[in-house]
N, C-alpha and C. Protein backbone atom coordinates (compact mmCIF):
# COMPACT_ATOMS: atom_id res chain seq x y z
N MET A 1 -21.19 0.97 1.10
CA MET A 1 -21.11 -0.23 0.27
C MET A 1 -19.68 -0.78 0.28
N ASN A 2 -19.56 -2.08 0.10
CA ASN A 2 -18.28 -2.74 0.19
C ASN A 2 -17.74 -3.14 -1.17
N TYR A 3 -16.46 -3.43 -1.20
CA TYR A 3 -15.85 -4.10 -2.34
C TYR A 3 -16.11 -5.61 -2.21
N THR A 4 -16.14 -6.30 -3.34
CA THR A 4 -16.21 -7.76 -3.35
C THR A 4 -15.00 -8.28 -4.10
N LEU A 5 -14.22 -9.12 -3.43
CA LEU A 5 -12.99 -9.65 -4.01
C LEU A 5 -13.11 -11.16 -4.18
N TYR A 6 -12.97 -11.61 -5.42
CA TYR A 6 -12.95 -13.03 -5.73
C TYR A 6 -11.50 -13.49 -5.76
N GLY A 7 -11.21 -14.53 -5.00
CA GLY A 7 -9.85 -15.02 -4.96
C GLY A 7 -9.75 -16.32 -4.20
N SER A 8 -8.53 -16.73 -3.91
CA SER A 8 -8.30 -17.96 -3.19
C SER A 8 -6.96 -17.88 -2.47
N ARG A 9 -6.79 -18.72 -1.48
CA ARG A 9 -5.57 -18.71 -0.70
C ARG A 9 -4.36 -19.02 -1.58
N GLY A 10 -3.29 -18.24 -1.38
CA GLY A 10 -2.07 -18.46 -2.14
C GLY A 10 -2.10 -17.94 -3.56
N SER A 11 -3.09 -17.13 -3.88
CA SER A 11 -3.23 -16.60 -5.24
C SER A 11 -2.91 -15.10 -5.27
N GLY A 12 -3.01 -14.52 -6.46
CA GLY A 12 -2.75 -13.09 -6.62
C GLY A 12 -3.74 -12.21 -5.91
N SER A 13 -4.85 -12.78 -5.45
CA SER A 13 -5.82 -11.96 -4.71
C SER A 13 -5.22 -11.45 -3.41
N ALA A 14 -4.13 -12.05 -2.94
CA ALA A 14 -3.49 -11.58 -1.70
C ALA A 14 -3.04 -10.14 -1.84
N ALA A 15 -2.53 -9.75 -3.00
CA ALA A 15 -2.07 -8.38 -3.19
C ALA A 15 -3.22 -7.39 -3.12
N ILE A 16 -4.36 -7.75 -3.68
CA ILE A 16 -5.52 -6.86 -3.67
C ILE A 16 -6.10 -6.78 -2.26
N GLU A 17 -6.14 -7.90 -1.58
CA GLU A 17 -6.63 -7.91 -0.20
C GLU A 17 -5.77 -7.01 0.68
N ALA A 18 -4.46 -7.11 0.51
CA ALA A 18 -3.57 -6.25 1.31
C ALA A 18 -3.77 -4.78 0.97
N ALA A 19 -4.00 -4.49 -0.31
CA ALA A 19 -4.24 -3.10 -0.71
C ALA A 19 -5.51 -2.56 -0.09
N LEU A 20 -6.56 -3.36 -0.06
CA LEU A 20 -7.82 -2.93 0.56
C LEU A 20 -7.62 -2.68 2.05
N GLU A 21 -6.81 -3.50 2.68
CA GLU A 21 -6.51 -3.30 4.11
C GLU A 21 -5.76 -1.98 4.31
N ILE A 22 -4.75 -1.74 3.49
CA ILE A 22 -3.98 -0.50 3.62
C ILE A 22 -4.86 0.71 3.36
N ALA A 23 -5.78 0.58 2.42
CA ALA A 23 -6.68 1.69 2.09
C ALA A 23 -7.80 1.85 3.12
N GLY A 24 -7.91 0.92 4.06
CA GLY A 24 -8.93 1.00 5.10
C GLY A 24 -10.34 0.79 4.58
N GLN A 25 -10.48 -0.08 3.56
CA GLN A 25 -11.78 -0.28 2.94
C GLN A 25 -12.42 -1.60 3.37
N ARG A 26 -13.73 -1.56 3.49
CA ARG A 26 -14.48 -2.77 3.81
C ARG A 26 -14.63 -3.61 2.54
N TYR A 27 -14.51 -4.93 2.70
CA TYR A 27 -14.64 -5.80 1.52
C TYR A 27 -15.16 -7.16 1.93
N HIS A 28 -15.74 -7.82 0.95
CA HIS A 28 -16.28 -9.17 1.13
C HIS A 28 -15.48 -10.12 0.28
N LEU A 29 -14.96 -11.18 0.88
CA LEU A 29 -14.16 -12.16 0.16
C LEU A 29 -15.04 -13.30 -0.33
N VAL A 30 -14.86 -13.67 -1.58
CA VAL A 30 -15.55 -14.83 -2.15
C VAL A 30 -14.48 -15.80 -2.63
N ARG A 31 -14.44 -16.98 -2.04
CA ARG A 31 -13.46 -17.98 -2.46
C ARG A 31 -13.87 -18.56 -3.82
N ALA A 32 -13.01 -18.36 -4.79
CA ALA A 32 -13.30 -18.84 -6.14
C ALA A 32 -12.00 -19.04 -6.88
N SER A 33 -11.88 -20.15 -7.58
CA SER A 33 -10.72 -20.39 -8.42
C SER A 33 -11.02 -21.54 -9.37
N SER A 34 -10.29 -21.60 -10.46
CA SER A 34 -10.50 -22.66 -11.45
C SER A 34 -10.07 -24.01 -10.93
N TRP A 35 -9.23 -24.06 -9.90
CA TRP A 35 -8.71 -25.33 -9.40
C TRP A 35 -9.45 -25.84 -8.16
N GLU A 36 -10.46 -25.11 -7.70
CA GLU A 36 -11.24 -25.55 -6.54
C GLU A 36 -12.68 -25.77 -6.98
N SER A 37 -13.02 -27.03 -7.19
CA SER A 37 -14.35 -27.33 -7.73
C SER A 37 -15.47 -26.97 -6.77
N ASP A 38 -15.16 -26.87 -5.48
CA ASP A 38 -16.19 -26.53 -4.50
C ASP A 38 -16.26 -25.03 -4.23
N SER A 39 -15.56 -24.23 -5.02
CA SER A 39 -15.59 -22.78 -4.83
C SER A 39 -16.65 -22.15 -5.72
N ALA A 40 -16.78 -20.83 -5.63
CA ALA A 40 -17.84 -20.10 -6.34
C ALA A 40 -17.46 -19.86 -7.80
N GLN A 41 -17.17 -20.93 -8.53
CA GLN A 41 -16.73 -20.80 -9.91
C GLN A 41 -17.81 -20.18 -10.80
N ALA A 42 -19.05 -20.60 -10.61
CA ALA A 42 -20.15 -20.08 -11.45
C ALA A 42 -20.36 -18.60 -11.18
N GLU A 43 -20.31 -18.21 -9.93
CA GLU A 43 -20.48 -16.79 -9.58
C GLU A 43 -19.35 -15.95 -10.17
N LEU A 44 -18.13 -16.47 -10.09
CA LEU A 44 -16.99 -15.77 -10.67
C LEU A 44 -17.15 -15.63 -12.17
N ALA A 45 -17.60 -16.68 -12.84
CA ALA A 45 -17.75 -16.65 -14.30
C ALA A 45 -18.77 -15.61 -14.73
N ARG A 46 -19.76 -15.34 -13.88
CA ARG A 46 -20.76 -14.34 -14.24
C ARG A 46 -20.17 -12.93 -14.27
N VAL A 47 -19.20 -12.67 -13.43
CA VAL A 47 -18.60 -11.32 -13.41
C VAL A 47 -17.33 -11.25 -14.24
N ASN A 48 -16.66 -12.39 -14.43
CA ASN A 48 -15.44 -12.44 -15.24
C ASN A 48 -15.48 -13.71 -16.09
N PRO A 49 -15.86 -13.60 -17.36
CA PRO A 49 -16.00 -14.78 -18.21
C PRO A 49 -14.72 -15.61 -18.32
N LEU A 50 -13.55 -15.00 -18.09
CA LEU A 50 -12.31 -15.76 -18.13
C LEU A 50 -12.12 -16.63 -16.88
N GLY A 51 -12.90 -16.36 -15.85
CA GLY A 51 -12.80 -17.14 -14.63
C GLY A 51 -11.49 -16.94 -13.90
N GLN A 52 -10.86 -15.80 -14.09
CA GLN A 52 -9.56 -15.54 -13.49
C GLN A 52 -9.71 -14.80 -12.16
N ILE A 53 -8.77 -15.09 -11.27
CA ILE A 53 -8.69 -14.35 -10.02
C ILE A 53 -7.32 -13.69 -9.93
N PRO A 54 -7.28 -12.54 -9.25
CA PRO A 54 -8.38 -11.88 -8.56
C PRO A 54 -9.32 -11.15 -9.52
N THR A 55 -10.55 -11.05 -9.12
CA THR A 55 -11.53 -10.19 -9.76
C THR A 55 -12.14 -9.33 -8.66
N LEU A 56 -12.28 -8.05 -8.92
CA LEU A 56 -12.76 -7.11 -7.91
C LEU A 56 -14.00 -6.40 -8.40
N VAL A 57 -15.06 -6.45 -7.60
CA VAL A 57 -16.27 -5.70 -7.90
C VAL A 57 -16.26 -4.45 -7.02
N LEU A 58 -16.30 -3.30 -7.67
CA LEU A 58 -16.24 -2.03 -6.96
C LEU A 58 -17.58 -1.75 -6.26
N PRO A 59 -17.60 -0.84 -5.30
CA PRO A 59 -18.84 -0.55 -4.58
C PRO A 59 -19.99 -0.12 -5.49
N ASP A 60 -19.68 0.48 -6.66
CA ASP A 60 -20.76 0.90 -7.57
C ASP A 60 -21.16 -0.21 -8.54
N GLY A 61 -20.60 -1.42 -8.37
CA GLY A 61 -20.97 -2.55 -9.20
C GLY A 61 -20.07 -2.80 -10.40
N GLN A 62 -19.15 -1.87 -10.69
CA GLN A 62 -18.23 -2.10 -11.80
C GLN A 62 -17.29 -3.25 -11.47
N VAL A 63 -16.95 -4.00 -12.52
CA VAL A 63 -16.06 -5.14 -12.37
C VAL A 63 -14.67 -4.77 -12.86
N MET A 64 -13.67 -5.10 -12.06
CA MET A 64 -12.29 -4.90 -12.47
C MET A 64 -11.57 -6.23 -12.48
N THR A 65 -10.79 -6.46 -13.54
CA THR A 65 -9.87 -7.58 -13.62
C THR A 65 -8.47 -7.01 -13.78
N GLU A 66 -7.48 -7.87 -13.76
CA GLU A 66 -6.07 -7.52 -13.91
C GLU A 66 -5.54 -6.84 -12.63
N SER A 67 -4.65 -7.54 -11.97
CA SER A 67 -4.16 -7.09 -10.66
C SER A 67 -3.57 -5.69 -10.68
N ALA A 68 -2.76 -5.39 -11.69
CA ALA A 68 -2.13 -4.07 -11.74
C ALA A 68 -3.19 -2.98 -11.87
N ALA A 69 -4.20 -3.22 -12.69
CA ALA A 69 -5.27 -2.23 -12.86
C ALA A 69 -6.02 -2.01 -11.56
N MET A 70 -6.30 -3.07 -10.82
CA MET A 70 -7.00 -2.93 -9.54
C MET A 70 -6.18 -2.12 -8.56
N LEU A 71 -4.90 -2.39 -8.47
CA LEU A 71 -4.05 -1.67 -7.54
C LEU A 71 -3.95 -0.19 -7.89
N ILE A 72 -3.85 0.10 -9.17
CA ILE A 72 -3.81 1.50 -9.61
C ILE A 72 -5.12 2.19 -9.27
N GLU A 73 -6.24 1.53 -9.56
CA GLU A 73 -7.55 2.13 -9.28
C GLU A 73 -7.74 2.38 -7.79
N LEU A 74 -7.34 1.42 -6.96
CA LEU A 74 -7.47 1.63 -5.52
C LEU A 74 -6.60 2.78 -5.05
N GLY A 75 -5.42 2.90 -5.63
CA GLY A 75 -4.55 4.02 -5.28
C GLY A 75 -5.14 5.36 -5.67
N LEU A 76 -5.81 5.40 -6.82
CA LEU A 76 -6.42 6.65 -7.28
C LEU A 76 -7.69 6.98 -6.50
N ARG A 77 -8.46 5.96 -6.14
CA ARG A 77 -9.70 6.20 -5.40
C ARG A 77 -9.44 6.63 -3.96
N HIS A 78 -8.32 6.18 -3.41
CA HIS A 78 -8.01 6.45 -2.01
C HIS A 78 -6.60 7.04 -1.94
N PRO A 79 -6.44 8.28 -2.41
CA PRO A 79 -5.11 8.86 -2.58
C PRO A 79 -4.35 9.08 -1.28
N GLY A 80 -5.02 9.14 -0.17
CA GLY A 80 -4.33 9.41 1.08
C GLY A 80 -3.72 8.20 1.74
N CYS A 81 -3.93 7.00 1.17
CA CYS A 81 -3.50 5.78 1.86
C CYS A 81 -2.08 5.37 1.52
N GLY A 82 -1.48 5.95 0.48
CA GLY A 82 -0.10 5.66 0.15
C GLY A 82 0.12 4.50 -0.80
N LEU A 83 -0.94 3.98 -1.41
CA LEU A 83 -0.73 2.89 -2.37
C LEU A 83 0.06 3.37 -3.58
N LEU A 84 -0.15 4.61 -3.99
CA LEU A 84 0.62 5.22 -5.07
C LEU A 84 1.35 6.44 -4.53
N PRO A 85 2.60 6.64 -4.92
CA PRO A 85 3.35 7.80 -4.44
C PRO A 85 2.69 9.11 -4.89
N ALA A 86 2.79 10.12 -4.06
CA ALA A 86 2.23 11.43 -4.41
C ALA A 86 3.13 12.17 -5.40
N ASP A 87 4.43 11.96 -5.31
CA ASP A 87 5.37 12.62 -6.21
C ASP A 87 5.22 12.08 -7.62
N PRO A 88 5.03 12.95 -8.63
CA PRO A 88 4.78 12.47 -10.00
C PRO A 88 5.89 11.59 -10.55
N ALA A 89 7.14 11.93 -10.30
CA ALA A 89 8.25 11.13 -10.83
C ALA A 89 8.27 9.75 -10.19
N GLU A 90 8.08 9.69 -8.88
CA GLU A 90 8.06 8.39 -8.20
C GLU A 90 6.84 7.58 -8.62
N ARG A 91 5.70 8.26 -8.80
CA ARG A 91 4.49 7.55 -9.23
C ARG A 91 4.66 6.96 -10.62
N ALA A 92 5.33 7.68 -11.51
CA ALA A 92 5.55 7.17 -12.87
C ALA A 92 6.33 5.85 -12.83
N GLN A 93 7.36 5.78 -11.99
CA GLN A 93 8.13 4.55 -11.89
C GLN A 93 7.34 3.44 -11.21
N HIS A 94 6.48 3.82 -10.27
CA HIS A 94 5.61 2.86 -9.60
C HIS A 94 4.67 2.21 -10.62
N LEU A 95 4.06 3.02 -11.47
CA LEU A 95 3.16 2.50 -12.49
C LEU A 95 3.92 1.64 -13.49
N ARG A 96 5.12 2.09 -13.84
CA ARG A 96 5.97 1.29 -14.73
C ARG A 96 6.21 -0.09 -14.14
N GLY A 97 6.54 -0.13 -12.85
CA GLY A 97 6.81 -1.41 -12.20
C GLY A 97 5.60 -2.32 -12.15
N LEU A 98 4.44 -1.75 -11.86
CA LEU A 98 3.21 -2.55 -11.81
C LEU A 98 2.93 -3.21 -13.16
N VAL A 99 3.04 -2.43 -14.22
CA VAL A 99 2.78 -2.98 -15.56
C VAL A 99 3.88 -3.95 -15.97
N PHE A 100 5.12 -3.68 -15.55
CA PHE A 100 6.23 -4.60 -15.84
C PHE A 100 5.94 -5.99 -15.28
N ILE A 101 5.52 -6.05 -14.02
CA ILE A 101 5.23 -7.33 -13.40
C ILE A 101 4.07 -8.02 -14.11
N ALA A 102 3.03 -7.25 -14.42
CA ALA A 102 1.86 -7.84 -15.07
C ALA A 102 2.19 -8.35 -16.47
N ALA A 103 2.94 -7.57 -17.24
CA ALA A 103 3.20 -7.91 -18.63
C ALA A 103 4.28 -8.96 -18.80
N ASN A 104 5.25 -8.98 -17.90
CA ASN A 104 6.40 -9.86 -18.06
C ASN A 104 6.39 -11.03 -17.08
N CYS A 105 6.30 -10.75 -15.80
CA CYS A 105 6.39 -11.83 -14.82
C CYS A 105 5.13 -12.69 -14.79
N TYR A 106 3.97 -12.06 -14.69
CA TYR A 106 2.73 -12.82 -14.68
C TYR A 106 2.59 -13.65 -15.95
N ALA A 107 2.96 -13.05 -17.08
CA ALA A 107 2.83 -13.77 -18.36
C ALA A 107 3.70 -15.01 -18.39
N ALA A 108 4.95 -14.89 -17.92
CA ALA A 108 5.84 -16.04 -17.91
C ALA A 108 5.35 -17.13 -16.96
N ILE A 109 4.78 -16.72 -15.83
CA ILE A 109 4.22 -17.70 -14.89
C ILE A 109 3.08 -18.46 -15.54
N SER A 110 2.23 -17.77 -16.27
CA SER A 110 1.10 -18.41 -16.94
C SER A 110 1.58 -19.46 -17.93
N ILE A 111 2.62 -19.14 -18.69
CA ILE A 111 3.16 -20.10 -19.65
C ILE A 111 3.75 -21.30 -18.93
N GLY A 112 4.49 -21.06 -17.86
CA GLY A 112 5.08 -22.15 -17.12
C GLY A 112 4.06 -23.05 -16.44
N ASP A 113 2.97 -22.45 -15.97
CA ASP A 113 1.93 -23.23 -15.30
C ASP A 113 1.07 -24.03 -16.28
N PHE A 114 0.87 -23.47 -17.47
CA PHE A 114 -0.01 -24.12 -18.44
C PHE A 114 0.68 -24.21 -19.81
N PRO A 115 1.77 -24.97 -19.92
CA PRO A 115 2.51 -25.02 -21.19
C PRO A 115 1.69 -25.57 -22.34
N GLU A 116 0.69 -26.39 -22.03
CA GLU A 116 -0.14 -26.96 -23.09
C GLU A 116 -0.91 -25.89 -23.86
N ARG A 117 -1.07 -24.72 -23.27
CA ARG A 117 -1.76 -23.63 -23.96
C ARG A 117 -0.86 -22.92 -24.96
N TRP A 118 0.45 -23.18 -24.88
CA TRP A 118 1.41 -22.39 -25.63
C TRP A 118 2.24 -23.21 -26.61
N THR A 119 1.89 -24.48 -26.77
CA THR A 119 2.58 -25.31 -27.75
C THR A 119 1.60 -26.32 -28.32
N THR A 120 1.81 -26.68 -29.57
CA THR A 120 0.98 -27.72 -30.19
C THR A 120 1.55 -29.11 -29.91
N ALA A 121 2.73 -29.18 -29.30
CA ALA A 121 3.32 -30.47 -28.97
C ALA A 121 2.48 -31.16 -27.90
N SER A 122 2.30 -32.45 -28.06
CA SER A 122 1.45 -33.19 -27.13
C SER A 122 2.25 -34.04 -26.15
N THR A 123 3.57 -34.11 -26.34
CA THR A 123 4.37 -34.96 -25.46
C THR A 123 4.79 -34.21 -24.20
N ARG A 124 4.94 -34.94 -23.12
CA ARG A 124 5.34 -34.31 -21.86
C ARG A 124 6.73 -33.69 -21.93
N PRO A 125 7.72 -34.35 -22.56
CA PRO A 125 9.05 -33.72 -22.65
C PRO A 125 9.03 -32.37 -23.36
N ALA A 126 8.23 -32.26 -24.40
CA ALA A 126 8.16 -30.99 -25.12
C ALA A 126 7.53 -29.91 -24.25
N ARG A 127 6.49 -30.28 -23.51
CA ARG A 127 5.85 -29.30 -22.63
C ARG A 127 6.76 -28.92 -21.47
N ASP A 128 7.54 -29.87 -21.01
CA ASP A 128 8.48 -29.57 -19.93
C ASP A 128 9.54 -28.56 -20.39
N LYS A 129 9.92 -28.64 -21.66
CA LYS A 129 10.88 -27.68 -22.19
C LYS A 129 10.28 -26.27 -22.22
N VAL A 130 8.99 -26.19 -22.58
CA VAL A 130 8.30 -24.89 -22.56
C VAL A 130 8.26 -24.35 -21.14
N ARG A 131 7.93 -25.22 -20.20
CA ARG A 131 7.87 -24.81 -18.79
C ARG A 131 9.23 -24.33 -18.29
N GLN A 132 10.28 -25.05 -18.63
CA GLN A 132 11.62 -24.68 -18.20
C GLN A 132 12.05 -23.34 -18.80
N ALA A 133 11.77 -23.14 -20.08
CA ALA A 133 12.15 -21.89 -20.73
C ALA A 133 11.37 -20.72 -20.14
N ALA A 134 10.10 -20.93 -19.83
CA ALA A 134 9.29 -19.86 -19.24
C ALA A 134 9.83 -19.47 -17.86
N ARG A 135 10.25 -20.47 -17.09
CA ARG A 135 10.78 -20.17 -15.77
C ARG A 135 12.10 -19.40 -15.86
N GLN A 136 12.95 -19.78 -16.80
CA GLN A 136 14.20 -19.05 -16.99
C GLN A 136 13.93 -17.62 -17.40
N ARG A 137 12.95 -17.44 -18.27
CA ARG A 137 12.59 -16.09 -18.71
C ARG A 137 12.03 -15.28 -17.54
N LEU A 138 11.21 -15.92 -16.72
CA LEU A 138 10.65 -15.25 -15.55
C LEU A 138 11.76 -14.75 -14.63
N HIS A 139 12.72 -15.59 -14.34
CA HIS A 139 13.80 -15.20 -13.44
C HIS A 139 14.64 -14.08 -14.04
N ALA A 140 14.83 -14.11 -15.35
CA ALA A 140 15.56 -13.02 -16.01
C ALA A 140 14.79 -11.70 -15.90
N HIS A 141 13.47 -11.77 -15.99
CA HIS A 141 12.65 -10.56 -15.84
C HIS A 141 12.81 -9.98 -14.44
N TRP A 142 12.83 -10.84 -13.42
CA TRP A 142 13.00 -10.34 -12.05
C TRP A 142 14.38 -9.71 -11.87
N ASP A 143 15.39 -10.26 -12.53
CA ASP A 143 16.72 -9.65 -12.46
C ASP A 143 16.69 -8.23 -13.03
N VAL A 144 16.01 -8.08 -14.16
CA VAL A 144 15.90 -6.75 -14.78
C VAL A 144 15.14 -5.81 -13.85
N PHE A 145 14.06 -6.30 -13.27
CA PHE A 145 13.27 -5.47 -12.34
C PHE A 145 14.16 -5.00 -11.19
N ALA A 146 14.89 -5.91 -10.58
CA ALA A 146 15.73 -5.56 -9.43
C ALA A 146 16.83 -4.58 -9.81
N ASP A 147 17.30 -4.66 -11.04
CA ASP A 147 18.43 -3.83 -11.46
C ASP A 147 18.02 -2.45 -11.97
N THR A 148 16.79 -2.31 -12.45
CA THR A 148 16.43 -1.07 -13.15
C THR A 148 15.35 -0.24 -12.47
N LEU A 149 14.53 -0.85 -11.62
CA LEU A 149 13.47 -0.07 -10.98
C LEU A 149 14.04 0.65 -9.76
N PRO A 150 13.90 1.97 -9.70
CA PRO A 150 14.38 2.69 -8.52
C PRO A 150 13.75 2.13 -7.25
N ALA A 151 14.54 1.99 -6.22
CA ALA A 151 14.04 1.39 -4.98
C ALA A 151 14.26 2.34 -3.81
N PRO A 152 13.33 3.29 -3.57
CA PRO A 152 13.44 4.12 -2.37
C PRO A 152 13.45 3.22 -1.14
N GLN A 153 14.12 3.67 -0.11
CA GLN A 153 14.23 2.85 1.10
C GLN A 153 13.23 3.30 2.15
N PRO A 154 12.71 2.38 2.96
CA PRO A 154 13.07 0.96 2.94
C PRO A 154 12.20 0.11 2.01
N PHE A 155 11.22 0.75 1.30
CA PHE A 155 10.33 0.01 0.42
C PHE A 155 10.33 0.64 -0.96
N LEU A 156 9.72 -0.05 -1.91
CA LEU A 156 9.64 0.48 -3.27
C LEU A 156 8.84 1.77 -3.32
N ALA A 157 7.87 1.92 -2.40
CA ALA A 157 7.07 3.13 -2.34
C ALA A 157 7.63 4.16 -1.38
N GLY A 158 8.74 3.85 -0.73
CA GLY A 158 9.35 4.79 0.19
C GLY A 158 9.24 4.34 1.63
N ALA A 159 8.58 5.14 2.46
CA ALA A 159 8.55 4.87 3.89
C ALA A 159 7.68 3.69 4.28
N ALA A 160 6.69 3.36 3.47
CA ALA A 160 5.78 2.26 3.77
C ALA A 160 5.44 1.53 2.47
N PRO A 161 5.02 0.27 2.55
CA PRO A 161 4.70 -0.47 1.34
C PRO A 161 3.55 0.16 0.57
N GLY A 162 3.68 0.17 -0.76
CA GLY A 162 2.63 0.64 -1.64
C GLY A 162 2.19 -0.46 -2.58
N ALA A 163 1.47 -0.07 -3.61
CA ALA A 163 0.91 -1.05 -4.54
C ALA A 163 1.98 -1.91 -5.18
N LEU A 164 3.07 -1.30 -5.60
CA LEU A 164 4.14 -2.06 -6.26
C LEU A 164 4.78 -3.04 -5.29
N ASP A 165 4.97 -2.64 -4.06
CA ASP A 165 5.52 -3.54 -3.05
C ASP A 165 4.63 -4.78 -2.90
N LEU A 166 3.33 -4.56 -2.84
CA LEU A 166 2.41 -5.67 -2.64
C LEU A 166 2.45 -6.65 -3.80
N LEU A 167 2.42 -6.13 -5.03
CA LEU A 167 2.42 -7.02 -6.18
C LEU A 167 3.74 -7.78 -6.29
N ALA A 168 4.85 -7.09 -6.04
CA ALA A 168 6.16 -7.76 -6.10
C ALA A 168 6.27 -8.86 -5.05
N ALA A 169 5.82 -8.58 -3.84
CA ALA A 169 5.92 -9.56 -2.77
C ALA A 169 5.12 -10.81 -3.07
N VAL A 170 3.95 -10.64 -3.67
CA VAL A 170 3.08 -11.79 -3.95
C VAL A 170 3.55 -12.56 -5.18
N VAL A 171 3.79 -11.89 -6.28
CA VAL A 171 4.12 -12.59 -7.52
C VAL A 171 5.48 -13.28 -7.42
N SER A 172 6.38 -12.75 -6.60
CA SER A 172 7.69 -13.36 -6.46
C SER A 172 7.67 -14.66 -5.65
N LYS A 173 6.52 -15.02 -5.11
CA LYS A 173 6.42 -16.25 -4.34
C LYS A 173 6.30 -17.49 -5.23
N TRP A 174 6.12 -17.32 -6.51
CA TRP A 174 5.82 -18.44 -7.38
C TRP A 174 7.00 -18.81 -8.28
N SER A 175 6.95 -20.06 -8.76
CA SER A 175 7.84 -20.55 -9.83
C SER A 175 9.32 -20.43 -9.50
N GLY A 176 9.66 -20.64 -8.25
CA GLY A 176 11.06 -20.67 -7.87
C GLY A 176 11.76 -19.33 -7.86
N THR A 177 10.97 -18.24 -7.91
CA THR A 177 11.59 -16.90 -7.98
C THR A 177 12.41 -16.58 -6.74
N ARG A 178 11.87 -16.85 -5.56
CA ARG A 178 12.60 -16.50 -4.34
C ARG A 178 13.93 -17.26 -4.26
N GLN A 179 13.93 -18.53 -4.66
CA GLN A 179 15.16 -19.31 -4.64
C GLN A 179 16.18 -18.72 -5.62
N HIS A 180 15.71 -18.30 -6.78
CA HIS A 180 16.61 -17.68 -7.75
C HIS A 180 17.18 -16.37 -7.20
N LEU A 181 16.33 -15.54 -6.62
CA LEU A 181 16.79 -14.25 -6.11
C LEU A 181 17.77 -14.42 -4.96
N ALA A 182 17.61 -15.47 -4.18
CA ALA A 182 18.56 -15.71 -3.08
C ALA A 182 19.98 -15.86 -3.61
N ARG A 183 20.10 -16.41 -4.81
CA ARG A 183 21.42 -16.58 -5.42
C ARG A 183 21.84 -15.36 -6.24
N ALA A 184 20.87 -14.81 -7.00
CA ALA A 184 21.22 -13.80 -8.01
C ALA A 184 21.09 -12.36 -7.52
N ARG A 185 20.09 -12.08 -6.68
CA ARG A 185 19.84 -10.71 -6.24
C ARG A 185 19.43 -10.72 -4.76
N PRO A 186 20.34 -11.08 -3.86
CA PRO A 186 19.99 -11.22 -2.44
C PRO A 186 19.48 -9.93 -1.81
N GLU A 187 19.97 -8.78 -2.24
CA GLU A 187 19.50 -7.52 -1.66
C GLU A 187 18.03 -7.27 -2.01
N PHE A 188 17.65 -7.65 -3.23
CA PHE A 188 16.25 -7.49 -3.63
C PHE A 188 15.37 -8.47 -2.85
N LEU A 189 15.86 -9.68 -2.64
CA LEU A 189 15.11 -10.64 -1.83
C LEU A 189 14.90 -10.10 -0.42
N ALA A 190 15.91 -9.44 0.13
CA ALA A 190 15.78 -8.85 1.47
C ALA A 190 14.68 -7.79 1.48
N LEU A 191 14.59 -7.02 0.39
CA LEU A 191 13.52 -6.03 0.28
C LEU A 191 12.16 -6.71 0.29
N LEU A 192 12.00 -7.79 -0.46
CA LEU A 192 10.73 -8.51 -0.50
C LEU A 192 10.35 -9.03 0.89
N LYS A 193 11.33 -9.47 1.63
CA LYS A 193 11.06 -9.98 2.98
C LYS A 193 10.66 -8.85 3.92
N ARG A 194 11.23 -7.65 3.71
CA ARG A 194 10.81 -6.50 4.51
C ARG A 194 9.35 -6.16 4.22
N ILE A 195 8.99 -6.23 2.96
CA ILE A 195 7.60 -5.93 2.59
C ILE A 195 6.64 -6.87 3.29
N GLU A 196 6.89 -8.16 3.16
CA GLU A 196 5.93 -9.13 3.68
C GLU A 196 5.91 -9.21 5.20
N SER A 197 6.92 -8.65 5.86
CA SER A 197 6.93 -8.64 7.32
C SER A 197 6.39 -7.34 7.90
N HIS A 198 6.02 -6.38 7.04
CA HIS A 198 5.47 -5.11 7.53
C HIS A 198 4.14 -5.37 8.24
N PRO A 199 3.87 -4.69 9.35
CA PRO A 199 2.66 -4.96 10.12
C PRO A 199 1.35 -4.83 9.34
N ARG A 200 1.33 -4.02 8.29
CA ARG A 200 0.08 -3.85 7.53
C ARG A 200 -0.05 -4.89 6.42
N VAL A 201 1.02 -5.62 6.17
CA VAL A 201 1.01 -6.62 5.10
C VAL A 201 1.05 -8.04 5.65
N ALA A 202 1.82 -8.24 6.71
CA ALA A 202 2.06 -9.58 7.23
C ALA A 202 0.79 -10.37 7.56
N PRO A 203 -0.24 -9.77 8.20
CA PRO A 203 -1.43 -10.57 8.52
C PRO A 203 -2.11 -11.13 7.28
N VAL A 204 -2.18 -10.37 6.20
CA VAL A 204 -2.82 -10.84 4.98
C VAL A 204 -2.03 -11.99 4.37
N LEU A 205 -0.71 -11.81 4.23
CA LEU A 205 0.09 -12.85 3.61
C LEU A 205 0.12 -14.11 4.48
N ALA A 206 0.03 -13.94 5.79
CA ALA A 206 0.00 -15.12 6.66
C ALA A 206 -1.27 -15.92 6.46
N ARG A 207 -2.37 -15.26 6.11
CA ARG A 207 -3.60 -15.99 5.82
C ARG A 207 -3.47 -16.78 4.51
N HIS A 208 -2.72 -16.24 3.58
CA HIS A 208 -2.58 -16.91 2.28
C HIS A 208 -1.47 -17.95 2.26
N TRP A 209 -0.41 -17.69 3.03
CA TRP A 209 0.71 -18.64 3.11
C TRP A 209 1.00 -18.91 4.58
N PRO A 210 0.16 -19.74 5.24
CA PRO A 210 0.33 -19.97 6.69
C PRO A 210 1.70 -20.60 6.99
């Protein structure tokens, strides 16, 4: 039986797709997103009432949402593939990093993308201020990540990209993060570029960002 992944080009589903490739698992892609009216929105809503992507249906029919949770589950289900470090201390920091990105970076991106959800102000200037503040907060979170998360070489997971590498490479593509890192944390940006150019990652990201 296969996995079923709901997602769209240029979205967070790229990280899950890359993880499935690294884990050597068969999967079926369903194009679905809230911004593509011709996509499988109704089908997605049946498995995830929030209509968010990525959404992953496991081979036994269980539904998983939240990118960090999916990556952790795939790492646990397929322990030999290297998505999660085998060393307990390194794995603890890997899990910390995954949740850090989900709780801090993803959250700030959501506010910046949809400021109307986070303010009662109805004017465009007021919403633009919310968007600007969210982006500044996002970039500050990435600075903290780069400064505090241990970074084994040449990747966050060590010798080859793991779950944390995949999520960092994908989420850092949005909201001007790469441009900020080029100025503020160039060594971390170089790490992200190593991740996305790895032979097991590059084909997936090229499909999402041609």
